[in-house]
PDB file of all heavy atoms in Angstrom:
ATOM      1  N   ASP A   1       0.810  -1.220   0.000  1.00  0.00           N
ATOM      2  CA  ASP A   1       0.000   0.000   0.000  1.00  0.00           C
ATOM      3  C   ASP A   1       0.842   1.269   0.000  1.00  0.00           C
ATOM      4  O   ASP A   1       0.296   2.379  -0.108  1.00  0.00           O
ATOM      5  CB  ASP A   1      -0.946   0.001   1.204  1.00  0.00           C
ATOM      6  CG  ASP A   1      -2.060  -1.028   1.053  1.00  0.00           C
ATOM      7  OD1 ASP A   1      -2.333  -1.430  -0.098  1.00  0.00           O
ATOM      8  OD2 ASP A   1      -2.645  -1.442   2.070  1.00  0.00           O
ATOM      9  N   ASP A   2       2.175   1.139   0.133  1.00  0.00           N
ATOM     10  CA  ASP A   2       3.064   2.299   0.061  1.00  0.00           C
ATOM     11  C   ASP A   2       3.590   2.538  -1.355  1.00  0.00           C
ATOM     12  O   ASP A   2       4.403   3.445  -1.570  1.00  0.00           O
ATOM     13  CB  ASP A   2       4.261   2.123   1.008  1.00  0.00           C
ATOM     14  CG  ASP A   2       3.873   2.322   2.461  1.00  0.00           C
ATOM     15  OD1 ASP A   2       2.766   2.832   2.715  1.00  0.00           O
ATOM     16  OD2 ASP A   2       4.675   1.963   3.355  1.00  0.00           O
ATOM     17  N   LEU A   3       3.137   1.747  -2.318  1.00  0.00           N
ATOM     18  CA  LEU A   3       3.636   1.890  -3.688  1.00  0.00           C
ATOM     19  C   LEU A   3       3.409   3.283  -4.278  1.00  0.00           C
ATOM     20  O   LEU A   3       4.291   3.805  -4.972  1.00  0.00           O
ATOM     21  CB  LEU A   3       3.007   0.820  -4.585  1.00  0.00           C
ATOM     22  CG  LEU A   3       3.541  -0.607  -4.390  1.00  0.00           C
ATOM     23  CD1 LEU A   3       2.797  -1.578  -5.298  1.00  0.00           C
ATOM     24  CD2 LEU A   3       5.032  -0.681  -4.652  1.00  0.00           C
ATOM     25  N   PRO A   4       2.263   3.933  -4.053  1.00  0.00           N
ATOM     26  CA  PRO A   4       2.115   5.298  -4.592  1.00  0.00           C
ATOM     27  C   PRO A   4       3.179   6.253  -4.059  1.00  0.00           C
ATOM     28  O   PRO A   4       3.670   7.118  -4.803  1.00  0.00           O
ATOM     29  CB  PRO A   4       0.711   5.700  -4.133  1.00  0.00           C
ATOM     30  CG  PRO A   4      -0.026   4.407  -3.979  1.00  0.00           C
ATOM     31  CD  PRO A   4       1.002   3.441  -3.461  1.00  0.00           C
ATOM     32  N   ALA A   5       3.531   6.122  -2.786  1.00  0.00           N
ATOM     33  CA  ALA A   5       4.572   6.992  -2.214  1.00  0.00           C
ATOM     34  C   ALA A   5       5.915   6.728  -2.883  1.00  0.00           C
ATOM     35  O   ALA A   5       6.684   7.659  -3.149  1.00  0.00           O
ATOM     36  CB  ALA A   5       4.668   6.766  -0.709  1.00  0.00           C
ATOM     37  N   PHE A   6       6.207   5.460  -3.174  1.00  0.00           N
ATOM     38  CA  PHE A   6       7.473   5.147  -3.832  1.00  0.00           C
ATOM     39  C   PHE A   6       7.462   5.583  -5.294  1.00  0.00           C
ATOM     40  O   PHE A   6       8.510   5.917  -5.851  1.00  0.00           O
ATOM     41  CB  PHE A   6       7.774   3.652  -3.708  1.00  0.00           C
ATOM     42  CG  PHE A   6       8.432   3.297  -2.412  1.00  0.00           C
ATOM     43  CD1 PHE A   6       7.682   2.978  -1.299  1.00  0.00           C
ATOM     44  CD2 PHE A   6       9.815   3.324  -2.290  1.00  0.00           C
ATOM     45  CE1 PHE A   6       8.284   2.681  -0.087  1.00  0.00           C
ATOM     46  CE2 PHE A   6      10.431   3.023  -1.092  1.00  0.00           C
ATOM     47  CZ  PHE A   6       9.666   2.701   0.020  1.00  0.00           C
ATOM     48  N   ALA A   7       6.302   5.578  -5.914  1.00  0.00           N
ATOM     49  CA  ALA A   7       6.216   6.111  -7.272  1.00  0.00           C
ATOM     50  C   ALA A   7       6.526   7.605  -7.271  1.00  0.00           C
ATOM     51  O   ALA A   7       7.211   8.114  -8.170  1.00  0.00           O
ATOM     52  CB  ALA A   7       4.824   5.849  -7.852  1.00  0.00           C
ATOM     53  N   THR A   8       6.030   8.313  -6.253  1.00  0.00           N
ATOM     54  CA  THR A   8       6.364   9.729  -6.110  1.00  0.00           C
ATOM     55  C   THR A   8       7.865   9.908  -5.923  1.00  0.00           C
ATOM     56  O   THR A   8       8.479  10.825  -6.497  1.00  0.00           O
ATOM     57  CB  THR A   8       5.609  10.324  -4.899  1.00  0.00           C
ATOM     58  OG1 THR A   8       4.205  10.178  -5.100  1.00  0.00           O
ATOM     59  CG2 THR A   8       5.942  11.795  -4.726  1.00  0.00           C
ATOM     60  N   LEU A   9       8.475   9.028  -5.138  1.00  0.00           N
ATOM     61  CA  LEU A   9       9.915   9.103  -4.904  1.00  0.00           C
ATOM     62  C   LEU A   9      10.697   8.850  -6.194  1.00  0.00           C
ATOM     63  O   LEU A   9      11.714   9.512  -6.464  1.00  0.00           O
ATOM     64  CB  LEU A   9      10.313   8.087  -3.836  1.00  0.00           C
ATOM     65  CG  LEU A   9      11.772   8.110  -3.376  1.00  0.00           C
ATOM     66  CD1 LEU A   9      12.112   9.451  -2.758  1.00  0.00           C
ATOM     67  CD2 LEU A   9      12.043   6.973  -2.393  1.00  0.00           C
ATOM     68  N   VAL A  10      10.231   7.903  -7.002  1.00  0.00           N
ATOM     69  CA  VAL A  10      10.895   7.619  -8.279  1.00  0.00           C
ATOM     70  C   VAL A  10      10.846   8.845  -9.183  1.00  0.00           C
ATOM     71  O   VAL A  10      11.840   9.182  -9.856  1.00  0.00           O
ATOM     72  CB  VAL A  10      10.239   6.402  -8.969  1.00  0.00           C
ATOM     73  CG1 VAL A  10      10.733   6.264 -10.406  1.00  0.00           C
ATOM     74  CG2 VAL A  10      10.552   5.127  -8.197  1.00  0.00           C
ATOM     75  N   ASN A  11       9.714   9.526  -9.223  1.00  0.00           N
ATOM     76  CA  ASN A  11       9.612  10.743 -10.031  1.00  0.00           C
ATOM     77  C   ASN A  11      10.586  11.811  -9.545  1.00  0.00           C
ATOM     78  O   ASN A  11      11.173  12.551 -10.351  1.00  0.00           O
ATOM     79  CB  ASN A  11       8.180  11.283  -9.983  1.00  0.00           C
ATOM     80  CG  ASN A  11       7.219  10.467 -10.821  1.00  0.00           C
ATOM     81  OD1 ASN A  11       7.610   9.845 -11.804  1.00  0.00           O
ATOM     82  ND2 ASN A  11       5.963  10.434 -10.423  1.00  0.00           N
ATOM     83  N   THR A  12      10.767  11.890  -8.233  1.00  0.00           N
ATOM     84  CA  THR A  12      11.724  12.854  -7.678  1.00  0.00           C
ATOM     85  C   THR A  12      13.147  12.460  -8.034  1.00  0.00           C
ATOM     86  O   THR A  12      13.992  13.310  -8.351  1.00  0.00           O
ATOM     87  CB  THR A  12      11.568  12.928  -6.145  1.00  0.00           C
ATOM     88  OG1 THR A  12      10.213  13.242  -5.814  1.00  0.00           O
ATOM     89  CG2 THR A  12      12.481  13.991  -5.558  1.00  0.00           C
ATOM     90  N   MET A  13      13.436  11.158  -8.026  1.00  0.00           N
ATOM     91  CA  MET A  13      14.783  10.669  -8.346  1.00  0.00           C
ATOM     92  C   MET A  13      15.181  11.016  -9.779  1.00  0.00           C
ATOM     93  O   MET A  13      16.365  11.215 -10.069  1.00  0.00           O
ATOM     94  CB  MET A  13      14.856   9.161  -8.126  1.00  0.00           C
ATOM     95  CG  MET A  13      14.805   8.742  -6.672  1.00  0.00           C
ATOM     96  SD  MET A  13      14.641   6.936  -6.477  1.00  0.00           S
ATOM     97  CE  MET A  13      16.177   6.373  -7.209  1.00  0.00           C
ATOM     98  N   LYS A  14      14.212  11.086 -10.675  1.00  0.00           N
ATOM     99  CA  LYS A  14      14.517  11.406 -12.071  1.00  0.00           C
ATOM    100  C   LYS A  14      15.085  12.806 -12.226  1.00  0.00           C
ATOM    101  O   LYS A  14      15.755  13.106 -13.214  1.00  0.00           O
ATOM    102  CB  LYS A  14      13.259  11.243 -12.925  1.00  0.00           C
ATOM    103  CG  LYS A  14      12.788   9.806 -13.062  1.00  0.00           C
ATOM    104  CD  LYS A  14      11.529   9.720 -13.914  1.00  0.00           C
ATOM    105  CE  LYS A  14      11.056   8.284 -14.068  1.00  0.00           C
ATOM    106  NZ  LYS A  14       9.826   8.193 -14.896  1.00  0.00           N
ATOM    107  N   LYS A  15      14.819  13.663 -11.236  1.00  0.00           N
ATOM    108  CA  LYS A  15      15.313  15.038 -11.288  1.00  0.00           C
ATOM    109  C   LYS A  15      16.634  15.201 -10.549  1.00  0.00           C
ATOM    110  O   LYS A  15      17.236  16.273 -10.565  1.00  0.00           O
ATOM    111  CB  LYS A  15      14.284  15.987 -10.671  1.00  0.00           C
ATOM    112  CG  LYS A  15      12.888  15.878 -11.281  1.00  0.00           C
ATOM    113  CD  LYS A  15      11.879  16.702 -10.495  1.00  0.00           C
ATOM    114  CE  LYS A  15      10.470  16.487 -11.018  1.00  0.00           C
ATOM    115  NZ  LYS A  15       9.471  17.217 -10.200  1.00  0.00           N
ATOM    116  N   GLY A  16      17.081  14.141  -9.871  1.00  0.00           N
ATOM    117  CA  GLY A  16      18.261  14.241  -9.026  1.00  0.00           C
ATOM    118  C   GLY A  16      19.526  13.736  -9.684  1.00  0.00           C
ATOM    119  O   GLY A  16      19.537  13.278 -10.829  1.00  0.00           O
ATOM    120  N   ASN A  17      20.622  13.827  -8.950  1.00  0.00           N
ATOM    121  CA  ASN A  17      21.919  13.313  -9.397  1.00  0.00           C
ATOM    122  C   ASN A  17      22.062  11.854  -8.987  1.00  0.00           C
ATOM    123  O   ASN A  17      21.475  11.425  -7.992  1.00  0.00           O
ATOM    124  CB  ASN A  17      23.067  14.122  -8.774  1.00  0.00           C
ATOM    125  CG  ASN A  17      22.919  15.625  -8.997  1.00  0.00           C
ATOM    126  OD1 ASN A  17      23.315  16.405  -8.145  1.00  0.00           O
ATOM    127  ND2 ASN A  17      22.364  16.041 -10.121  1.00  0.00           N
ATOM    128  N   LEU A  18      22.850  11.108  -9.753  1.00  0.00           N
ATOM    129  CA  LEU A  18      23.140   9.714  -9.414  1.00  0.00           C
ATOM    130  C   LEU A  18      24.639   9.590  -9.193  1.00  0.00           C
ATOM    131  O   LEU A  18      25.430   9.744 -10.128  1.00  0.00           O
ATOM    132  CB  LEU A  18      22.683   8.770 -10.534  1.00  0.00           C
ATOM    133  CG  LEU A  18      22.851   7.275 -10.258  1.00  0.00           C
ATOM    134  CD1 LEU A  18      22.061   6.870  -9.016  1.00  0.00           C
ATOM    135  CD2 LEU A  18      22.393   6.451 -11.452  1.00  0.00           C
ATOM    136  N   LEU A  19      25.018   9.347  -7.936  1.00  0.00           N
ATOM    137  CA  LEU A  19      26.420   9.288  -7.557  1.00  0.00           C
ATOM    138  C   LEU A  19      26.810   7.878  -7.132  1.00  0.00           C
ATOM    139  O   LEU A  19      25.957   7.051  -6.816  1.00  0.00           O
ATOM    140  CB  LEU A  19      26.698  10.262  -6.403  1.00  0.00           C
ATOM    141  CG  LEU A  19      26.351  11.738  -6.632  1.00  0.00           C
ATOM    142  CD1 LEU A  19      26.565  12.526  -5.350  1.00  0.00           C
ATOM    143  CD2 LEU A  19      27.184  12.311  -7.770  1.00  0.00           C
ATOM    144  N   THR A  20      28.110   7.639  -7.115  1.00  0.00           N
ATOM    145  CA  THR A  20      28.659   6.370  -6.641  1.00  0.00           C
ATOM    146  C   THR A  20      29.654   6.648  -5.520  1.00  0.00           C
ATOM    147  O   THR A  20      30.532   7.499  -5.672  1.00  0.00           O
ATOM    148  CB  THR A  20      29.371   5.611  -7.776  1.00  0.00           C
ATOM    149  OG1 THR A  20      28.401   5.189  -8.732  1.00  0.00           O
ATOM    150  CG2 THR A  20      30.099   4.388  -7.240  1.00  0.00           C
ATOM    151  N   ALA A  21      29.494   5.957  -4.415  1.00  0.00           N
ATOM    152  CA  ALA A  21      30.478   6.006  -3.337  1.00  0.00           C
ATOM    153  C   ALA A  21      31.439   4.836  -3.547  1.00  0.00           C
ATOM    154  O   ALA A  21      31.069   3.679  -3.352  1.00  0.00           O
ATOM    155  CB  ALA A  21      29.789   5.903  -1.978  1.00  0.00           C
ATOM    156  N   ASN A  22      32.663   5.148  -3.987  1.00  0.00           N
ATOM    157  CA  ASN A  22      33.614   4.106  -4.378  1.00  0.00           C
ATOM    158  C   ASN A  22      34.346   3.515  -3.176  1.00  0.00           C
ATOM    159  O   ASN A  22      35.547   3.691  -2.996  1.00  0.00           O
ATOM    160  CB  ASN A  22      34.633   4.694  -5.367  1.00  0.00           C
ATOM    161  CG  ASN A  22      33.969   5.138  -6.652  1.00  0.00           C
ATOM    162  OD1 ASN A  22      33.260   4.377  -7.290  1.00  0.00           O
ATOM    163  ND2 ASN A  22      34.188   6.396  -7.020  1.00  0.00           N
ATOM    164  N   VAL A  23      33.624   2.793  -2.335  1.00  0.00           N
ATOM    165  CA  VAL A  23      34.257   2.201  -1.157  1.00  0.00           C
ATOM    166  C   VAL A  23      35.162   1.042  -1.543  1.00  0.00           C
ATOM    167  O   VAL A  23      36.138   0.737  -0.852  1.00  0.00           O
ATOM    168  CB  VAL A  23      33.186   1.736  -0.153  1.00  0.00           C
ATOM    169  CG1 VAL A  23      32.339   2.904   0.321  1.00  0.00           C
ATOM    170  CG2 VAL A  23      32.298   0.658  -0.749  1.00  0.00           C
ATOM    171  N   THR A  24      34.871   0.395  -2.661  1.00  0.00           N
ATOM    172  CA  THR A  24      35.663  -0.780  -3.052  1.00  0.00           C
ATOM    173  C   THR A  24      37.070  -0.401  -3.464  1.00  0.00           C
ATOM    174  O   THR A  24      38.014  -1.175  -3.287  1.00  0.00           O
ATOM    175  CB  THR A  24      34.981  -1.507  -4.218  1.00  0.00           C
ATOM    176  OG1 THR A  24      34.857  -0.604  -5.321  1.00  0.00           O
ATOM    177  CG2 THR A  24      33.603  -1.990  -3.823  1.00  0.00           C
ATOM    178  N   ASP A  25      37.246   0.786  -4.026  1.00  0.00           N
ATOM    179  CA  ASP A  25      38.569   1.226  -4.455  1.00  0.00           C
ATOM    180  C   ASP A  25      39.377   1.823  -3.310  1.00  0.00           C
ATOM    181  O   ASP A  25      40.582   2.013  -3.427  1.00  0.00           O
ATOM    182  CB  ASP A  25      38.450   2.291  -5.560  1.00  0.00           C
ATOM    183  CG  ASP A  25      37.929   1.695  -6.854  1.00  0.00           C
ATOM    184  OD1 ASP A  25      38.003   0.471  -6.999  1.00  0.00           O
ATOM    185  OD2 ASP A  25      37.437   2.461  -7.693  1.00  0.00           O
ATOM    186  N   SER A  26      38.692   2.163  -2.234  1.00  0.00           N
ATOM    187  CA  SER A  26      39.309   3.012  -1.223  1.00  0.00           C
ATOM    188  C   SER A  26      39.785   2.267   0.021  1.00  0.00           C
ATOM    189  O   SER A  26      40.496   2.842   0.836  1.00  0.00           O
ATOM    190  CB  SER A  26      38.326   4.110  -0.806  1.00  0.00           C
ATOM    191  OG  SER A  26      37.838   4.808  -1.932  1.00  0.00           O
ATOM    192  N   VAL A  27      39.363   1.010   0.193  1.00  0.00           N
ATOM    193  CA  VAL A  27      39.750   0.278   1.401  1.00  0.00           C
ATOM    194  C   VAL A  27      40.214  -1.126   1.028  1.00  0.00           C
ATOM    195  O   VAL A  27      39.866  -1.663  -0.022  1.00  0.00           O
ATOM    196  CB  VAL A  27      38.577   0.169   2.405  1.00  0.00           C
ATOM    197  CG1 VAL A  27      38.123   1.538   2.863  1.00  0.00           C
ATOM    198  CG2 VAL A  27      37.407  -0.594   1.791  1.00  0.00           C
ATOM    199  N   SER A  28      40.986  -1.712   1.908  1.00  0.00           N
ATOM    200  CA  SER A  28      41.402  -3.105   1.740  1.00  0.00           C
ATOM    201  C   SER A  28      40.224  -4.021   2.031  1.00  0.00           C
ATOM    202  O   SER A  28      39.430  -3.764   2.946  1.00  0.00           O
ATOM    203  CB  SER A  28      42.555  -3.410   2.706  1.00  0.00           C
ATOM    204  OG  SER A  28      42.750  -4.810   2.815  1.00  0.00           O
ATOM    205  N   HIS A  29      40.119  -5.090   1.265  1.00  0.00           N
ATOM    206  CA  HIS A  29      39.039  -6.044   1.501  1.00  0.00           C
ATOM    207  C   HIS A  29      39.405  -7.041   2.584  1.00  0.00           C
ATOM    208  O   HIS A  29      38.526  -7.692   3.154  1.00  0.00           O
ATOM    209  CB  HIS A  29      38.698  -6.790   0.218  1.00  0.00           C
ATOM    210  CG  HIS A  29      38.121  -5.907  -0.849  1.00  0.00           C
ATOM    211  ND1 HIS A  29      37.696  -6.395  -2.061  1.00  0.00           N
ATOM    212  CD2 HIS A  29      37.905  -4.566  -0.892  1.00  0.00           C
ATOM    213  CE1 HIS A  29      37.246  -5.389  -2.808  1.00  0.00           C
ATOM    214  NE2 HIS A  29      37.366  -4.277  -2.110  1.00  0.00           N
ATOM    215  N   VAL A  30      40.691  -7.187   2.869  1.00  0.00           N
ATOM    216  CA  VAL A  30      41.152  -8.145   3.873  1.00  0.00           C
ATOM    217  C   VAL A  30      41.027  -7.560   5.272  1.00  0.00           C
ATOM    218  O   VAL A  30      40.507  -8.202   6.188  1.00  0.00           O
ATOM    219  CB  VAL A  30      42.609  -8.557   3.591  1.00  0.00           C
ATOM    220  CG1 VAL A  30      43.099  -9.531   4.667  1.00  0.00           C
ATOM    221  CG2 VAL A  30      42.712  -9.196   2.210  1.00  0.00           C
ATOM    222  N   ARG A  31      41.508  -6.358   5.445  1.00  0.00           N
ATOM    223  CA  ARG A  31      41.385  -5.651   6.722  1.00  0.00           C
ATOM    224  C   ARG A  31      40.762  -4.271   6.454  1.00  0.00           C
ATOM    225  O   ARG A  31      41.446  -3.253   6.473  1.00  0.00           O
ATOM    226  CB  ARG A  31      42.731  -5.519   7.416  1.00  0.00           C
ATOM    227  CG  ARG A  31      43.276  -6.844   7.934  1.00  0.00           C
ATOM    228  CD  ARG A  31      44.563  -6.647   8.717  1.00  0.00           C
ATOM    229  NE  ARG A  31      45.042  -7.901   9.264  1.00  0.00           N
ATOM    230  CZ  ARG A  31      44.661  -8.420  10.427  1.00  0.00           C
ATOM    231  NH1 ARG A  31      43.776  -7.766  11.170  1.00  0.00           N
ATOM    232  NH2 ARG A  31      45.139  -9.568  10.853  1.00  0.00           N
TER     233      ARG A  31
END
């Protein structure tokens, strides 16, 4: 029943920026 609210959120996302947080390049996977 929250799908209409998420549809509103999707419409808002279309106007926004899409960024990537590159954590995989920035830290060791072992420690």
